[in-house]
Amino acid sequence: MSTTWCVYHLIHVQTPHQHLPKLVITDVPDGETVTQDLVERAGYQFGEFGIPFANHVLEHVDVKESPSDLVARIRAGECDRIPYAKLVELAEAAL
């Protein structure tokens, strides 16, 4: 089996909070953890105000547990997607 992870922008200055997906990582093997380091080595940078990952979250997405607006936006295709194997390939590629 595999899991899905997501980097999303958390907007928490208003209620309800908004969870805006930025990158979905698909086909992550069970037991693997996607890290900020892996995402950055693959060439992705997220953040605000010059602060890496400020107001951004990287976590496993679960249809039953994750915020419903995040799940809906992912299903609507509102973000980039990359398979885990490709993310690892990019992270390990020579410069």
PDB file of N, CA and C in Angstrom:
ATOM      1  N   MET A   1       0.828  -1.178   0.000  1.00  0.00           N
ATOM      2  CA  MET A   1       0.000   0.000   0.000  1.00  0.00           C
ATOM      3  C   MET A   1       0.881   1.254   0.000  1.00  0.00           C
ATOM      4  N   SER A   2       0.259   2.371  -0.229  1.00  0.00           N
ATOM      5  CA  SER A   2       0.996   3.634  -0.222  1.00  0.00           C
ATOM      6  C   SER A   2       0.124   4.706   0.426  1.00  0.00           C
ATOM      7  N   THR A   3       0.773   5.799   0.739  1.00  0.00           N
ATOM      8  CA  THR A   3       0.073   6.909   1.373  1.00  0.00           C
ATOM      9  C   THR A   3       0.312   8.184   0.576  1.00  0.00           C
ATOM     10  N   THR A   4      -0.382   9.230   0.960  1.00  0.00           N
ATOM     11  CA  THR A   4      -0.247  10.532   0.330  1.00  0.00           C
ATOM     12  C   THR A   4       0.166  11.540   1.389  1.00  0.00           C
ATOM     13  N   TRP A   5       1.109  12.397   1.013  1.00  0.00           N
ATOM     14  CA  TRP A   5       1.558  13.479   1.879  1.00  0.00           C
ATOM     15  C   TRP A   5       1.291  14.791   1.163  1.00  0.00           C
ATOM     16  N   CYS A   6       1.291  15.884   1.919  1.00  0.00           N
ATOM     17  CA  CYS A   6       1.004  17.181   1.320  1.00  0.00           C
ATOM     18  C   CYS A   6       1.738  18.290   2.059  1.00  0.00           C
ATOM     19  N   VAL A   7       2.227  19.249   1.275  1.00  0.00           N
ATOM     20  CA  VAL A   7       2.680  20.526   1.825  1.00  0.00           C
ATOM     21  C   VAL A   7       1.521  21.482   1.602  1.00  0.00           C
ATOM     22  N   TYR A   8       1.049  22.095   2.682  1.00  0.00           N
ATOM     23  CA  TYR A   8      -0.034  23.053   2.519  1.00  0.00           C
ATOM     24  C   TYR A   8       0.243  24.332   3.300  1.00  0.00           C
ATOM     25  N   HIS A   9      -0.322  25.406   2.797  1.00  0.00           N
ATOM     26  CA  HIS A   9      -0.216  26.713   3.423  1.00  0.00           C
ATOM     27  C   HIS A   9      -1.376  26.840   4.398  1.00  0.00           C
ATOM     28  N   LEU A  10      -1.048  27.082   5.645  1.00  0.00           N
ATOM     29  CA  LEU A  10      -2.067  27.229   6.672  1.00  0.00           C
ATOM     30  C   LEU A  10      -2.329  28.715   6.911  1.00  0.00           C
ATOM     31  N   ILE A  11      -3.541  29.133   6.614  1.00  0.00           N
ATOM     32  CA  ILE A  11      -3.941  30.512   6.876  1.00  0.00           C
ATOM     33  C   ILE A  11      -4.789  30.482   8.145  1.00  0.00           C
ATOM     34  N   HIS A  12      -4.238  31.045   9.206  1.00  0.00           N
ATOM     35  CA  HIS A  12      -4.880  30.929  10.512  1.00  0.00           C
ATOM     36  C   HIS A  12      -5.256  32.282  11.119  1.00  0.00           C
ATOM     37  N   VAL A  13      -5.265  33.323  10.304  1.00  0.00           N
ATOM     38  CA  VAL A  13      -5.620  34.650  10.810  1.00  0.00           C
ATOM     39  C   VAL A  13      -7.122  34.901  10.748  1.00  0.00           C
ATOM     40  N   GLN A  14      -7.834  33.940  10.222  1.00  0.00           N
ATOM     41  CA  GLN A  14      -9.284  34.065  10.166  1.00  0.00           C
ATOM     42  C   GLN A  14      -9.896  32.714  10.513  1.00  0.00           C
ATOM     43  N   THR A  15     -11.143  32.735  10.870  1.00  0.00           N
ATOM     44  CA  THR A  15     -11.841  31.504  11.199  1.00  0.00           C
ATOM     45  C   THR A  15     -12.967  31.326  10.200  1.00  0.00           C
ATOM     46  N   PRO A  16     -13.158  30.182   9.628  1.00  0.00           N
ATOM     47  CA  PRO A  16     -12.352  28.981   9.854  1.00  0.00           C
ATOM     48  C   PRO A  16     -10.987  29.095   9.176  1.00  0.00           C
ATOM     49  N   HIS A  17     -10.042  28.335   9.691  1.00  0.00           N
ATOM     50  CA  HIS A  17      -8.713  28.305   9.081  1.00  0.00           C
ATOM     51  C   HIS A  17      -8.818  27.766   7.666  1.00  0.00           C
ATOM     52  N   GLN A  18      -7.862  28.169   6.818  1.00  0.00           N
ATOM     53  CA  GLN A  18      -7.817  27.656   5.446  1.00  0.00           C
ATOM     54  C   GLN A  18      -6.563  26.812   5.288  1.00  0.00           C
ATOM     55  N   HIS A  19      -6.694  25.734   4.557  1.00  0.00           N
ATOM     56  CA  HIS A  19      -5.592  24.814   4.291  1.00  0.00           C
ATOM     57  C   HIS A  19      -5.440  24.732   2.774  1.00  0.00           C
ATOM     58  N   LEU A  20      -4.435  25.430   2.239  1.00  0.00           N
ATOM     59  CA  LEU A  20      -4.259  25.543   0.791  1.00  0.00           C
ATOM     60  C   LEU A  20      -3.132  24.627   0.328  1.00  0.00           C
ATOM     61  N   PRO A  21      -3.453  23.543  -0.356  1.00  0.00           N
ATOM     62  CA  PRO A  21      -2.405  22.608  -0.787  1.00  0.00           C
ATOM     63  C   PRO A  21      -1.471  23.245  -1.796  1.00  0.00           C
ATOM     64  N   LYS A  22      -0.190  22.974  -1.642  1.00  0.00           N
ATOM     65  CA  LYS A  22       0.839  23.480  -2.553  1.00  0.00           C
ATOM     66  C   LYS A  22       1.508  22.355  -3.328  1.00  0.00           C
ATOM     67  N   LEU A  23       1.716  21.214  -2.664  1.00  0.00           N
ATOM     68  CA  LEU A  23       2.363  20.072  -3.312  1.00  0.00           C
ATOM     69  C   LEU A  23       1.846  18.792  -2.681  1.00  0.00           C
ATOM     70  N   VAL A  24       1.359  17.890  -3.512  1.00  0.00           N
ATOM     71  CA  VAL A  24       0.903  16.583  -3.051  1.00  0.00           C
ATOM     72  C   VAL A  24       1.926  15.544  -3.498  1.00  0.00           C
ATOM     73  N   ILE A  25       2.371  14.732  -2.554  1.00  0.00           N
ATOM     74  CA  ILE A  25       3.327  13.658  -2.846  1.00  0.00           C
ATOM     75  C   ILE A  25       2.550  12.350  -2.767  1.00  0.00           C
ATOM     76  N   THR A  26       2.433  11.685  -3.897  1.00  0.00           N
ATOM     77  CA  THR A  26       1.642  10.462  -3.993  1.00  0.00           C
ATOM     78  C   THR A  26       2.530   9.229  -3.936  1.00  0.00           C
ATOM     79  N   ASP A  27       1.901   8.097  -3.722  1.00  0.00           N
ATOM     80  CA  ASP A  27       2.560   6.790  -3.780  1.00  0.00           C
ATOM     81  C   ASP A  27       3.735   6.674  -2.815  1.00  0.00           C
ATOM     82  N   VAL A  28       3.601   7.273  -1.625  1.00  0.00           N
ATOM     83  CA  VAL A  28       4.650   7.160  -0.610  1.00  0.00           C
ATOM     84  C   VAL A  28       4.520   5.774   0.021  1.00  0.00           C
ATOM     85  N   PRO A  29       5.581   4.966  -0.028  1.00  0.00           N
ATOM     86  CA  PRO A  29       5.485   3.616   0.547  1.00  0.00           C
ATOM     87  C   PRO A  29       5.141   3.676   2.038  1.00  0.00           C
ATOM     88  N   ASP A  30       4.309   2.743   2.473  1.00  0.00           N
ATOM     89  CA  ASP A  30       3.979   2.663   3.897  1.00  0.00           C
ATOM     90  C   ASP A  30       5.263   2.581   4.708  1.00  0.00           C
ATOM     91  N   GLY A  31       5.302   3.327   5.781  1.00  0.00           N
ATOM     92  CA  GLY A  31       6.478   3.332   6.638  1.00  0.00           C
ATOM     93  C   GLY A  31       7.491   4.407   6.305  1.00  0.00           C
ATOM     94  N   GLU A  32       7.389   5.012   5.113  1.00  0.00           N
ATOM     95  CA  GLU A  32       8.296   6.100   4.731  1.00  0.00           C
ATOM     96  C   GLU A  32       7.748   7.424   5.255  1.00  0.00           C
ATOM     97  N   THR A  33       8.649   8.323   5.582  1.00  0.00           N
ATOM     98  CA  THR A  33       8.288   9.657   6.042  1.00  0.00           C
ATOM     99  C   THR A  33       8.844  10.677   5.052  1.00  0.00           C
ATOM    100  N   VAL A  34       8.010  11.576   4.628  1.00  0.00           N
ATOM    101  CA  VAL A  34       8.460  12.666   3.759  1.00  0.00           C
ATOM    102  C   VAL A  34       8.920  13.792   4.675  1.00  0.00           C
ATOM    103  N   THR A  35      10.128  14.278   4.455  1.00  0.00           N
ATOM    104  CA  THR A  35      10.681  15.321   5.314  1.00  0.00           C
ATOM    105  C   THR A  35      10.832  16.637   4.558  1.00  0.00           C
ATOM    106  N   GLN A  36      10.932  17.713   5.319  1.00  0.00           N
ATOM    107  CA  GLN A  36      11.178  19.020   4.726  1.00  0.00           C
ATOM    108  C   GLN A  36      12.500  18.993   3.968  1.00  0.00           C
ATOM    109  N   ASP A  37      13.496  18.325   4.516  1.00  0.00           N
ATOM    110  CA  ASP A  37      14.801  18.230   3.865  1.00  0.00           C
ATOM    111  C   ASP A  37      14.675  17.563   2.493  1.00  0.00           C
ATOM    112  N   LEU A  38      13.929  16.483   2.402  1.00  0.00           N
ATOM    113  CA  LEU A  38      13.740  15.784   1.130  1.00  0.00           C
ATOM    114  C   LEU A  38      13.067  16.706   0.112  1.00  0.00           C
ATOM    115  N   VAL A  39      12.023  17.392   0.536  1.00  0.00           N
ATOM    116  CA  VAL A  39      11.290  18.303  -0.358  1.00  0.00           C
ATOM    117  C   VAL A  39      12.207  19.410  -0.870  1.00  0.00           C
ATOM    118  N   GLU A  40      12.995  19.991   0.035  1.00  0.00           N
ATOM    119  CA  GLU A  40      13.893  21.075  -0.370  1.00  0.00           C
ATOM    120  C   GLU A  40      15.012  20.583  -1.271  1.00  0.00           C
ATOM    121  N   ARG A  41      15.583  19.418  -0.998  1.00  0.00           N
ATOM    122  CA  ARG A  41      16.642  18.854  -1.855  1.00  0.00           C
ATOM    123  C   ARG A  41      16.127  18.563  -3.262  1.00  0.00           C
ATOM    124  N   ALA A  42      14.824  18.307  -3.372  1.00  0.00           N
ATOM    125  CA  ALA A  42      14.213  18.058  -4.679  1.00  0.00           C
ATOM    126  C   ALA A  42      13.955  19.364  -5.435  1.00  0.00           C
ATOM    127  N   GLY A  43      14.208  20.488  -4.788  1.00  0.00           N
ATOM    128  CA  GLY A  43      14.086  21.774  -5.471  1.00  0.00           C
ATOM    129  C   GLY A  43      12.854  22.577  -5.137  1.00  0.00           C
ATOM    130  N   TYR A  44      12.077  22.131  -4.183  1.00  0.00           N
ATOM    131  CA  TYR A  44      10.868  22.859  -3.791  1.00  0.00           C
ATOM    132  C   TYR A  44      11.157  23.728  -2.576  1.00  0.00           C
ATOM    133  N   GLN A  45      10.656  24.949  -2.607  1.00  0.00           N
ATOM    134  CA  GLN A  45      10.797  25.850  -1.476  1.00  0.00           C
ATOM    135  C   GLN A  45       9.442  26.460  -1.168  1.00  0.00           C
ATOM    136  N   PHE A  46       9.089  26.418   0.089  1.00  0.00           N
ATOM    137  CA  PHE A  46       7.829  26.983   0.552  1.00  0.00           C
ATOM    138  C   PHE A  46       8.119  27.864   1.753  1.00  0.00           C
ATOM    139  N   GLY A  47       7.356  28.909   1.921  1.00  0.00           N
ATOM    140  CA  GLY A  47       7.524  29.774   3.078  1.00  0.00           C
ATOM    141  C   GLY A  47       6.928  31.131   2.824  1.00  0.00           C
ATOM    142  N   GLU A  48       7.109  31.992   3.809  1.00  0.00           N
ATOM    143  CA  GLU A  48       6.632  33.368   3.724  1.00  0.00           C
ATOM    144  C   GLU A  48       7.644  34.275   4.400  1.00  0.00           C
ATOM    145  N   PHE A  49       7.687  35.505   3.965  1.00  0.00           N
ATOM    146  CA  PHE A  49       8.505  36.530   4.596  1.00  0.00           C
ATOM    147  C   PHE A  49       9.978  36.138   4.675  1.00  0.00           C
ATOM    148  N   GLY A  50      10.434  35.343   3.715  1.00  0.00           N
ATOM    149  CA  GLY A  50      11.819  34.907   3.709  1.00  0.00           C
ATOM    150  C   GLY A  50      12.131  33.831   4.730  1.00  0.00           C
ATOM    151  N   ILE A  51      11.113  33.267   5.356  1.00  0.00           N
ATOM    152  CA  ILE A  51      11.300  32.233   6.372  1.00  0.00           C
ATOM    153  C   ILE A  51      10.860  30.893   5.784  1.00  0.00           C
ATOM    154  N   PRO A  52      11.806  29.953   5.644  1.00  0.00           N
ATOM    155  CA  PRO A  52      11.467  28.648   5.084  1.00  0.00           C
ATOM    156  C   PRO A  52      10.349  27.950   5.872  1.00  0.00           C
ATOM    157  N   PHE A  53       9.387  27.478   5.150  1.00  0.00           N
ATOM    158  CA  PHE A  53       8.248  26.708   5.666  1.00  0.00           C
ATOM    159  C   PHE A  53       7.389  27.486   6.663  1.00  0.00           C
ATOM    160  N   ALA A  54       7.546  28.807   6.731  1.00  0.00           N
ATOM    161  CA  ALA A  54       6.676  29.605   7.607  1.00  0.00           C
ATOM    162  C   ALA A  54       5.229  29.445   7.159  1.00  0.00           C
ATOM    163  N   ASN A  55       4.373  29.124   8.084  1.00  0.00           N
ATOM    164  CA  ASN A  55       2.942  28.919   7.838  1.00  0.00           C
ATOM    165  C   ASN A  55       2.662  27.816   6.822  1.00  0.00           C
ATOM    166  N   HIS A  56       3.592  26.898   6.670  1.00  0.00           N
ATOM    167  CA  HIS A  56       3.409  25.739   5.809  1.00  0.00           C
ATOM    168  C   HIS A  56       3.571  24.473   6.636  1.00  0.00           C
ATOM    169  N   VAL A  57       2.788  23.482   6.291  1.00  0.00           N
ATOM    170  CA  VAL A  57       2.786  22.218   7.014  1.00  0.00           C
ATOM    171  C   VAL A  57       3.056  21.107   6.020  1.00  0.00           C
ATOM    172  N   LEU A  58       3.845  20.139   6.432  1.00  0.00           N
ATOM    173  CA  LEU A  58       4.108  18.933   5.641  1.00  0.00           C
ATOM    174  C   LEU A  58       3.634  17.762   6.474  1.00  0.00           C
ATOM    175  N   GLU A  59       2.614  17.061   5.993  1.00  0.00           N
ATOM    176  CA  GLU A  59       2.114  15.924   6.762  1.00  0.00           C
ATOM    177  C   GLU A  59       1.369  14.933   5.880  1.00  0.00           C
ATOM    178  N   HIS A  60       1.188  13.765   6.451  1.00  0.00           N
ATOM    179  CA  HIS A  60       0.421  12.694   5.822  1.00  0.00           C
ATOM    180  C   HIS A  60      -1.032  13.148   5.704  1.00  0.00           C
ATOM    181  N   VAL A  61      -1.645  12.870   4.574  1.00  0.00           N
ATOM    182  CA  VAL A  61      -3.044  13.231   4.357  1.00  0.00           C
ATOM    183  C   VAL A  61      -3.903  11.987   4.519  1.00  0.00           C
ATOM    184  N   ASP A  62      -4.903  12.104   5.356  1.00  0.00           N
ATOM    185  CA  ASP A  62      -5.844  11.014   5.589  1.00  0.00           C
ATOM    186  C   ASP A  62      -7.245  11.563   5.332  1.00  0.00           C
ATOM    187  N   VAL A  63      -7.982  10.917   4.467  1.00  0.00           N
ATOM    188  CA  VAL A  63      -9.301  11.402   4.063  1.00  0.00           C
ATOM    189  C   VAL A  63     -10.219  11.598   5.270  1.00  0.00           C
ATOM    190  N   LYS A  64     -10.093  10.743   6.271  1.00  0.00           N
ATOM    191  CA  LYS A  64     -10.979  10.822   7.439  1.00  0.00           C
ATOM    192  C   LYS A  64     -10.459  11.759   8.524  1.00  0.00           C
ATOM    193  N   GLU A  65      -9.155  12.017   8.551  1.00  0.00           N
ATOM    194  CA  GLU A  65      -8.571  12.786   9.642  1.00  0.00           C
ATOM    195  C   GLU A  65      -8.136  14.200   9.247  1.00  0.00           C
ATOM    196  N   SER A  66      -7.738  14.406   8.011  1.00  0.00           N
ATOM    197  CA  SER A  66      -7.221  15.711   7.565  1.00  0.00           C
ATOM    198  C   SER A  66      -8.362  16.717   7.424  1.00  0.00           C
ATOM    199  N   PRO A  67      -8.042  18.015   7.474  1.00  0.00           N
ATOM    200  CA  PRO A  67      -9.089  19.030   7.319  1.00  0.00           C
ATOM    201  C   PRO A  67      -9.873  18.840   6.014  1.00  0.00           C
ATOM    202  N   SER A  68     -11.176  18.954   6.104  1.00  0.00           N
ATOM    203  CA  SER A  68     -12.029  18.668   4.945  1.00  0.00           C
ATOM    204  C   SER A  68     -11.766  19.622   3.784  1.00  0.00           C
ATOM    205  N   ASP A  69     -11.435  20.898   4.068  1.00  0.00           N
ATOM    206  CA  ASP A  69     -11.181  21.823   2.966  1.00  0.00           C
ATOM    207  C   ASP A  69      -9.887  21.447   2.246  1.00  0.00           C
ATOM    208  N   LEU A  70      -8.910  20.912   2.963  1.00  0.00           N
ATOM    209  CA  LEU A  70      -7.664  20.450   2.341  1.00  0.00           C
ATOM    210  C   LEU A  70      -7.950  19.271   1.417  1.00  0.00           C
ATOM    211  N   VAL A  71      -8.693  18.305   1.900  1.00  0.00           N
ATOM    212  CA  VAL A  71      -9.036  17.127   1.091  1.00  0.00           C
ATOM    213  C   VAL A  71      -9.805  17.552  -0.158  1.00  0.00           C
ATOM    214  N   ALA A  72     -10.760  18.457  -0.006  1.00  0.00           N
ATOM    215  CA  ALA A  72     -11.558  18.920  -1.150  1.00  0.00           C
ATOM    216  C   ALA A  72     -10.690  19.622  -2.185  1.00  0.00           C
ATOM    217  N   ARG A  73      -9.764  20.457  -1.729  1.00  0.00           N
ATOM    218  CA  ARG A  73      -8.892  21.171  -2.672  1.00  0.00           C
ATOM    219  C   ARG A  73      -7.941  20.220  -3.386  1.00  0.00           C
ATOM    220  N   ILE A  74      -7.450  19.223  -2.683  1.00  0.00           N
ATOM    221  CA  ILE A  74      -6.579  18.225  -3.320  1.00  0.00           C
ATOM    222  C   ILE A  74      -7.370  17.480  -4.393  1.00  0.00           C
ATOM    223  N   ARG A  75      -8.565  17.048  -4.046  1.00  0.00           N
ATOM    224  CA  ARG A  75      -9.403  16.316  -5.015  1.00  0.00           C
ATOM    225  C   ARG A  75      -9.764  17.181  -6.216  1.00  0.00           C
ATOM    226  N   ALA A  76      -9.880  18.484  -6.009  1.00  0.00           N
ATOM    227  CA  ALA A  76     -10.215  19.401  -7.106  1.00  0.00           C
ATOM    228  C   ALA A  76      -9.001  19.722  -7.979  1.00  0.00           C
ATOM    229  N   GLY A  77      -7.827  19.234  -7.575  1.00  0.00           N
ATOM    230  CA  GLY A  77      -6.629  19.441  -8.385  1.00  0.00           C
ATOM    231  C   GLY A  77      -6.035  20.829  -8.254  1.00  0.00           C
ATOM    232  N   GLU A  78      -6.169  21.438  -7.091  1.00  0.00           N
ATOM    233  CA  GLU A  78      -5.707  22.816  -6.889  1.00  0.00           C
ATOM    234  C   GLU A  78      -4.222  22.915  -6.534  1.00  0.00           C
ATOM    235  N   CYS A  79      -3.430  21.913  -6.892  1.00  0.00           N
ATOM    236  CA  CYS A  79      -2.009  21.970  -6.533  1.00  0.00           C
ATOM    237  C   CYS A  79      -1.205  21.035  -7.437  1.00  0.00           C
ATOM    238  N   ASP A  80       0.108  21.179  -7.353  1.00  0.00           N
ATOM    239  CA  ASP A  80       1.005  20.287  -8.076  1.00  0.00           C
ATOM    240  C   ASP A  80       1.035  18.926  -7.386  1.00  0.00           C
ATOM    241  N   ARG A  81       1.312  17.900  -8.178  1.00  0.00           N
ATOM    242  CA  ARG A  81       1.442  16.534  -7.662  1.00  0.00           C
ATOM    243  C   ARG A  81       2.754  15.942  -8.158  1.00  0.00           C
ATOM    244  N   ILE A  82       3.352  15.095  -7.314  1.00  0.00           N
ATOM    245  CA  ILE A  82       4.558  14.398  -7.710  1.00  0.00           C
ATOM    246  C   ILE A  82       4.581  13.033  -7.022  1.00  0.00           C
ATOM    247  N   PRO A  83       4.930  11.984  -7.752  1.00  0.00           N
ATOM    248  CA  PRO A  83       5.083  10.678  -7.101  1.00  0.00           C
ATOM    249  C   PRO A  83       6.331  10.681  -6.206  1.00  0.00           C
ATOM    250  N   TYR A  84       6.272   9.948  -5.140  1.00  0.00           N
ATOM    251  CA  TYR A  84       7.379   9.878  -4.188  1.00  0.00           C
ATOM    252  C   TYR A  84       8.682   9.481  -4.871  1.00  0.00           C
ATOM    253  N   ALA A  85       8.636   8.496  -5.754  1.00  0.00           N
ATOM    254  CA  ALA A  85       9.861   8.043  -6.436  1.00  0.00           C
ATOM    255  C   ALA A  85      10.512   9.185  -7.219  1.00  0.00           C
ATOM    256  N   LYS A  86       9.727  10.017  -7.861  1.00  0.00           N
ATOM    257  CA  LYS A  86      10.256  11.155  -8.605  1.00  0.00           C
ATOM    258  C   LYS A  86      10.856  12.200  -7.659  1.00  0.00           C
ATOM    259  N   LEU A  87      10.201  12.428  -6.526  1.00  0.00           N
ATOM    260  CA  LEU A  87      10.712  13.365  -5.529  1.00  0.00           C
ATOM    261  C   LEU A  87      12.087  12.901  -5.034  1.00  0.00           C
ATOM    262  N   VAL A  88      12.215  11.618  -4.749  1.00  0.00           N
ATOM    263  CA  VAL A  88      13.492  11.065  -4.297  1.00  0.00           C
ATOM    264  C   VAL A  88      14.529  11.182  -5.403  1.00  0.00           C
ATOM    265  N   GLU A  89      14.138  10.888  -6.633  1.00  0.00           N
ATOM    266  CA  GLU A  89      15.058  11.009  -7.772  1.00  0.00           C
ATOM    267  C   GLU A  89      15.577  12.435  -7.907  1.00  0.00           C
ATOM    268  N   LEU A  90      14.706  13.402  -7.805  1.00  0.00           N
ATOM    269  CA  LEU A  90      15.126  14.811  -7.889  1.00  0.00           C
ATOM    270  C   LEU A  90      16.040  15.187  -6.726  1.00  0.00           C
ATOM    271  N   ALA A  91      15.717  14.680  -5.535  1.00  0.00           N
ATOM    272  CA  ALA A  91      16.524  15.005  -4.344  1.00  0.00           C
ATOM    273  C   ALA A  91      17.929  14.421  -4.433  1.00  0.00           C
ATOM    274  N   GLU A  92      18.065  13.308  -5.129  1.00  0.00           N
ATOM    275  CA  GLU A  92      19.374  12.635  -5.212  1.00  0.00           C
ATOM    276  C   GLU A  92      20.141  12.971  -6.480  1.00  0.00           C
ATOM    277  N   ALA A  93      19.556  13.754  -7.368  1.00  0.00           N
ATOM    278  CA  ALA A  93      20.196  14.097  -8.648  1.00  0.00           C
ATOM    279  C   ALA A  93      21.426  14.973  -8.399  1.00  0.00           C
ATOM    280  N   ALA A  94      22.422  14.763  -9.221  1.00  0.00           N
ATOM    281  CA  ALA A  94      23.635  15.588  -9.136  1.00  0.00           C
ATOM    282  C   ALA A  94      23.323  16.998  -9.627  1.00  0.00           C
ATOM    283  N   LEU A  95      24.021  17.939  -9.055  1.00  0.00           N
ATOM    284  CA  LEU A  95      23.825  19.344  -9.460  1.00  0.00           C
ATOM    285  C   LEU A  95      24.551  19.627 -10.750  1.00  0.00           C
TER     286      LEU A  95
END
